[in-house]
Amino acid sequence: MYCSNCGRKLEDQARFCSDCGTPRATAPPPPDSIYERPPLSRIRNGKIGGVCGGVARYFDIDVTLVRIVWLLAAIFPPVPGIVAYIVCWVVMPEDPPPAAESSKAASVTA
């Protein structure tokens, strides 16, 4: 499924677009499925480092809400919020490249 606002591909279990924050049309989950939390990783093509998008995807909340909370944490008091963002940026792995990009890169280098 793709986001109706920005056109990015959405994960099957995502309720919000991790890039623009648009809510996805709700569909009831299958009765026998077990919810698996996605790994905590930074999204590609994020606003700054992709940290807020990755945290929003991990906790399944709106990315705009995460950005606002992180901004408030960076302002009041400034040092812990900024340090936490930098630490998350360094520690959190980035999402792997999509399969289409990796196959293009392999064909270009060959």
C-alpha atoms as a PDB file:
ATOM      1  CA  MET A   1       0.000   0.000   0.000  1.00  0.00           C
ATOM      2  CA  TYR A   2       1.152   3.544  -0.727  1.00  0.00           C
ATOM      3  CA  CYS A   3       0.629   6.803   1.171  1.00  0.00           C
ATOM      4  CA  SER A   4      -2.197   8.857  -0.318  1.00  0.00           C
ATOM      5  CA  ASN A   5      -0.354  12.097   0.538  1.00  0.00           C
ATOM      6  CA  CYS A   6       3.307  11.614  -0.408  1.00  0.00           C
ATOM      7  CA  GLY A   7       3.172   8.389  -2.442  1.00  0.00           C
ATOM      8  CA  ARG A   8       5.734   6.451  -0.385  1.00  0.00           C
ATOM      9  CA  LYS A   9       5.320   2.708   0.115  1.00  0.00           C
ATOM     10  CA  LEU A  10       3.826   1.867   3.518  1.00  0.00           C
ATOM     11  CA  GLU A  11       4.580  -1.208   5.574  1.00  0.00           C
ATOM     12  CA  ASP A  12       1.673  -3.623   5.961  1.00  0.00           C
ATOM     13  CA  GLN A  13       1.225  -2.980   9.699  1.00  0.00           C
ATOM     14  CA  ALA A  14       1.831   0.807   9.606  1.00  0.00           C
ATOM     15  CA  ARG A  15      -1.035   3.054  10.703  1.00  0.00           C
ATOM     16  CA  PHE A  16       0.733   6.269   9.667  1.00  0.00           C
ATOM     17  CA  CYS A  17       3.167   7.219   6.924  1.00  0.00           C
ATOM     18  CA  SER A  18       6.586   7.423   8.570  1.00  0.00           C
ATOM     19  CA  ASP A  19       7.606  10.205   6.187  1.00  0.00           C
ATOM     20  CA  CYS A  20       4.695  12.666   6.130  1.00  0.00           C
ATOM     21  CA  GLY A  21       2.537  11.418   9.047  1.00  0.00           C
ATOM     22  CA  THR A  22      -0.674  10.925   7.086  1.00  0.00           C
ATOM     23  CA  PRO A  23      -2.947   8.327   8.732  1.00  0.00           C
ATOM     24  CA  ARG A  24      -3.630   5.220   6.713  1.00  0.00           C
ATOM     25  CA  ALA A  25      -7.144   3.996   6.054  1.00  0.00           C
ATOM     26  CA  THR A  26      -7.918   1.608   8.872  1.00  0.00           C
ATOM     27  CA  ALA A  27      -8.473  -2.028   8.117  1.00  0.00           C
ATOM     28  CA  PRO A  28      -9.173  -4.626  10.783  1.00  0.00           C
ATOM     29  CA  PRO A  29      -6.229  -6.968  11.382  1.00  0.00           C
ATOM     30  CA  PRO A  30      -6.679 -10.620  10.505  1.00  0.00           C
ATOM     31  CA  PRO A  31      -7.964 -12.515  13.560  1.00  0.00           C
ATOM     32  CA  ASP A  32      -5.140 -15.067  13.664  1.00  0.00           C
ATOM     33  CA  SER A  33      -2.230 -12.677  13.090  1.00  0.00           C
ATOM     34  CA  ILE A  34       0.250 -11.737  15.794  1.00  0.00           C
ATOM     35  CA  TYR A  35       1.584  -8.191  15.773  1.00  0.00           C
ATOM     36  CA  GLU A  36       5.356  -8.053  15.446  1.00  0.00           C
ATOM     37  CA  ARG A  37       7.040  -4.793  16.292  1.00  0.00           C
ATOM     38  CA  PRO A  38       9.400  -3.611  13.528  1.00  0.00           C
ATOM     39  CA  PRO A  39      13.076  -3.249  14.428  1.00  0.00           C
ATOM     40  CA  LEU A  40      14.185   0.117  15.758  1.00  0.00           C
ATOM     41  CA  SER A  41      16.043   1.685  12.843  1.00  0.00           C
ATOM     42  CA  ARG A  42      16.309   5.057  11.147  1.00  0.00           C
ATOM     43  CA  ILE A  43      14.250   5.595   8.004  1.00  0.00           C
ATOM     44  CA  ARG A  44      15.892   6.507   4.742  1.00  0.00           C
ATOM     45  CA  ASN A  45      15.214   9.994   3.348  1.00  0.00           C
ATOM     46  CA  GLY A  46      14.214  11.379   6.757  1.00  0.00           C
ATOM     47  CA  LYS A  47      13.959  15.083   7.499  1.00  0.00           C
ATOM     48  CA  ILE A  48      17.359  15.278   9.248  1.00  0.00           C
ATOM     49  CA  GLY A  49      18.619  11.863  10.257  1.00  0.00           C
ATOM     50  CA  GLY A  50      15.508   9.706  10.119  1.00  0.00           C
ATOM     51  CA  VAL A  51      15.495   9.206  13.892  1.00  0.00           C
ATOM     52  CA  CYS A  52      11.992  10.555  14.548  1.00  0.00           C
ATOM     53  CA  GLY A  53      10.548   8.534  11.675  1.00  0.00           C
ATOM     54  CA  GLY A  54      12.174   5.368  13.007  1.00  0.00           C
ATOM     55  CA  VAL A  55      10.916   5.991  16.546  1.00  0.00           C
ATOM     56  CA  ALA A  56       7.419   6.733  15.219  1.00  0.00           C
ATOM     57  CA  ARG A  57       7.409   3.504  13.208  1.00  0.00           C
ATOM     58  CA  TYR A  58       8.688   1.489  16.200  1.00  0.00           C
ATOM     59  CA  PHE A  59       5.997   2.800  18.580  1.00  0.00           C
ATOM     60  CA  ASP A  60       3.367   2.977  15.788  1.00  0.00           C
ATOM     61  CA  ILE A  61       2.496   6.631  16.392  1.00  0.00           C
ATOM     62  CA  ASP A  62       2.350   9.711  14.201  1.00  0.00           C
ATOM     63  CA  VAL A  63       5.774  11.014  13.163  1.00  0.00           C
ATOM     64  CA  THR A  64       4.646  14.620  13.641  1.00  0.00           C
ATOM     65  CA  LEU A  65       3.889  13.923  17.303  1.00  0.00           C
ATOM     66  CA  VAL A  66       7.351  12.407  17.785  1.00  0.00           C
ATOM     67  CA  ARG A  67       8.971  15.430  16.123  1.00  0.00           C
ATOM     68  CA  ILE A  68       7.065  17.856  18.353  1.00  0.00           C
ATOM     69  CA  VAL A  69       7.969  15.940  21.524  1.00  0.00           C
ATOM     70  CA  TRP A  70      11.609  15.716  20.467  1.00  0.00           C
ATOM     71  CA  LEU A  71      11.690  19.432  19.660  1.00  0.00           C
ATOM     72  CA  LEU A  72      10.309  20.239  23.112  1.00  0.00           C
ATOM     73  CA  ALA A  73      12.915  17.922  24.667  1.00  0.00           C
ATOM     74  CA  ALA A  74      15.620  19.726  22.708  1.00  0.00           C
ATOM     75  CA  ILE A  75      14.422  23.160  23.879  1.00  0.00           C
ATOM     76  CA  PHE A  76      13.582  22.505  27.568  1.00  0.00           C
ATOM     77  CA  PRO A  77      16.463  21.785  28.624  1.00  0.00           C
ATOM     78  CA  PRO A  78      18.476  21.856  25.392  1.00  0.00           C
ATOM     79  CA  VAL A  79      21.459  19.627  26.143  1.00  0.00           C
ATOM     80  CA  PRO A  80      19.759  16.259  26.954  1.00  0.00           C
ATOM     81  CA  GLY A  81      17.379  16.420  23.980  1.00  0.00           C
ATOM     82  CA  ILE A  82      20.101  17.273  21.484  1.00  0.00           C
ATOM     83  CA  VAL A  83      22.513  14.704  22.924  1.00  0.00           C
ATOM     84  CA  ALA A  84      19.795  12.010  22.844  1.00  0.00           C
ATOM     85  CA  TYR A  85      19.069  12.762  19.168  1.00  0.00           C
ATOM     86  CA  ILE A  86      22.759  12.592  18.242  1.00  0.00           C
ATOM     87  CA  VAL A  87      23.208   9.335  20.172  1.00  0.00           C
ATOM     88  CA  CYS A  88      20.162   7.812  18.443  1.00  0.00           C
ATOM     89  CA  TRP A  89      21.459   9.013  15.081  1.00  0.00           C
ATOM     90  CA  VAL A  90      24.789   7.269  15.671  1.00  0.00           C
ATOM     91  CA  VAL A  91      23.486   4.097  17.378  1.00  0.00           C
ATOM     92  CA  MET A  92      20.321   3.314  15.386  1.00  0.00           C
ATOM     93  CA  PRO A  93      21.046   1.435  12.149  1.00  0.00           C
ATOM     94  CA  GLU A  94      19.635   2.817   8.922  1.00  0.00           C
ATOM     95  CA  ASP A  95      16.997   0.862   7.005  1.00  0.00           C
ATOM     96  CA  PRO A  96      18.448  -1.373   4.296  1.00  0.00           C
ATOM     97  CA  PRO A  97      18.089  -0.037   0.754  1.00  0.00           C
ATOM     98  CA  PRO A  98      15.025  -1.178  -1.184  1.00  0.00           C
ATOM     99  CA  ALA A  99      15.536  -4.197  -3.432  1.00  0.00           C
ATOM    100  CA  ALA A 100      15.023  -2.132  -6.596  1.00  0.00           C
ATOM    101  CA  GLU A 101      17.829   0.301  -5.671  1.00  0.00           C
ATOM    102  CA  SER A 102      20.268  -2.448  -4.731  1.00  0.00           C
ATOM    103  CA  SER A 103      19.692  -4.299  -8.033  1.00  0.00           C
ATOM    104  CA  LYS A 104      20.201  -1.039  -9.973  1.00  0.00           C
ATOM    105  CA  ALA A 105      23.449  -0.373  -8.109  1.00  0.00           C
ATOM    106  CA  ALA A 106      24.666  -3.900  -8.855  1.00  0.00           C
ATOM    107  CA  SER A 107      23.921  -3.551 -12.580  1.00  0.00           C
ATOM    108  CA  VAL A 108      25.616  -0.124 -12.770  1.00  0.00           C
ATOM    109  CA  THR A 109      28.829  -1.340 -11.134  1.00  0.00           C
ATOM    110  CA  ALA A 110      29.015  -4.475 -13.286  1.00  0.00           C
END
